[in-house]
Every structure is written in C-alpha cells, then in structure tokens.
Amino acid sequence: MRAPPFRSLGKTHDEGPWRSTPGSRQRLLPRDYGLLFNLGMLLAQSDRTQEASSYLRRFVAEAPSDRYGADVQRVRTTLERMKPDD
C-alpha cells in the first residue's frame, strides 16, 4: 500500500484554507489569546505589519495581564517598532 501524496507540497501559505473563505478572520475563537499572540507575531516577523497590527492590538487590549503580562509588554514593544517613522 502506497502512502497518500502530500497535497500541500509546493504550495505557499497564501493558498491555505484559512485564506479561501471571505470573513475567515472573524472565526478566531474570541478568547484564544495564544492564537492572537502567535498569529500576530508571525505576521509581524513576516513584514505583514498591517495584518499583524489588528491581532496584536486586540491581544494587548483583551489578554489577561495576570497570565500574559510579559507577552503584552513584548507585543507593545513590537507595535512600537512597527510604527512608521514620521
């Protein structure tokens, strides 16, 4: 018996199923702060700052500081670095 082929081999991240449905960003779990943090930071590191900003700002505004305090500070620093120079 042969193993099934990797269907996503050679595809870019833009071809993933999360990009295929309009409004898919609203489907994030409302209190999944780990996901907001990870997605926002990944987008920021990939120079997709406009997309990253909305996730990171939401993380700063909503994440409980008792659990995510250090990460909130790290995100604030990242948001400051993403601001365009005036």
Protein backbone atom coordinates (compact mmCIF):
# COMPACT_ATOMS: atom_id res chain seq x y z
CA MET A 1 0.00 0.00 0.00
CA ARG A 2 1.39 3.38 -1.01
CA ALA A 3 1.31 6.44 1.22
CA PRO A 4 -1.02 9.23 0.05
CA PRO A 5 0.70 12.17 -1.66
CA PHE A 6 1.24 15.41 0.21
CA ARG A 7 -1.44 17.62 -1.28
CA SER A 8 0.09 20.83 0.03
CA LEU A 9 3.66 20.14 -1.09
CA GLY A 10 4.96 23.16 -3.01
CA LYS A 11 2.07 25.46 -2.08
CA THR A 12 2.63 28.80 -0.40
CA HIS A 13 0.99 29.89 2.82
CA ASP A 14 -1.41 32.12 0.86
CA GLU A 15 -3.04 29.03 -0.62
CA GLY A 16 -4.12 27.60 2.71
CA PRO A 17 -7.77 27.04 3.56
CA TRP A 18 -7.81 29.93 6.04
CA ARG A 19 -7.42 32.36 3.12
CA SER A 20 -10.07 30.80 0.91
CA THR A 21 -13.20 31.96 2.70
CA PRO A 22 -14.29 35.60 2.94
CA GLY A 23 -14.53 36.72 6.55
CA SER A 24 -12.47 33.81 7.86
CA ARG A 25 -10.62 36.12 10.27
CA GLN A 26 -13.78 36.57 12.33
CA ARG A 27 -13.80 32.85 13.08
CA LEU A 28 -10.96 33.07 15.58
CA LEU A 29 -12.05 31.90 18.99
CA PRO A 30 -12.86 35.05 20.97
CA ARG A 31 -10.60 34.30 23.92
CA ASP A 32 -7.82 32.35 22.26
CA TYR A 33 -5.11 34.80 23.29
CA GLY A 34 -2.31 32.38 22.47
CA LEU A 35 -3.54 32.24 18.89
CA LEU A 36 -3.82 36.04 18.67
CA PHE A 37 -0.29 36.40 20.01
CA ASN A 38 1.26 33.73 17.79
CA LEU A 39 -0.53 34.80 14.62
CA GLY A 40 0.19 38.48 15.21
CA MET A 41 3.88 37.93 15.96
CA LEU A 42 4.30 35.62 12.97
CA LEU A 43 2.75 38.19 10.65
CA ALA A 44 4.92 40.94 12.16
CA GLN A 45 8.07 38.86 11.62
CA SER A 46 6.96 38.26 8.03
CA ASP A 47 6.73 42.02 7.37
CA ARG A 48 2.95 41.82 7.12
CA THR A 49 2.61 44.61 9.65
CA GLN A 50 -0.84 45.84 8.64
CA GLU A 51 -2.34 42.39 9.19
CA ALA A 52 -0.29 41.84 12.35
CA SER A 53 -1.37 45.11 13.91
CA SER A 54 -5.04 44.19 14.31
CA TYR A 55 -4.26 40.88 16.03
CA LEU A 56 -1.58 42.37 18.25
CA ARG A 57 -3.68 45.37 19.31
CA ARG A 58 -6.55 43.06 20.19
CA PHE A 59 -4.16 40.89 22.21
CA VAL A 60 -2.92 43.92 24.19
CA ALA A 61 -6.46 45.15 24.80
CA GLU A 62 -8.02 41.83 25.84
CA ALA A 63 -5.41 39.38 27.14
CA PRO A 64 -5.46 38.94 30.94
CA SER A 65 -2.36 40.59 32.37
CA ASP A 66 -2.01 38.06 35.18
CA ARG A 67 -1.39 35.32 32.63
CA TYR A 68 0.03 37.22 29.64
CA GLY A 69 1.73 40.23 31.26
CA ALA A 70 5.20 39.59 29.83
CA ASP A 71 3.76 38.84 26.38
CA VAL A 72 1.65 42.01 26.47
CA GLN A 73 4.80 44.05 27.07
CA ARG A 74 6.60 42.23 24.26
CA VAL A 75 3.69 42.95 21.89
CA ARG A 76 3.66 46.63 22.89
CA THR A 77 7.35 46.82 22.00
CA THR A 78 6.67 45.11 18.67
CA LEU A 79 3.82 47.53 17.90
CA GLU A 80 6.10 50.49 18.65
CA ARG A 81 8.72 49.13 16.23
CA MET A 82 6.07 48.67 13.55
CA LYS A 83 5.02 52.33 13.63
CA PRO A 84 6.16 54.20 10.54
CA ASP A 85 8.79 56.87 11.14
CA ASP A 86 7.39 60.38 10.94
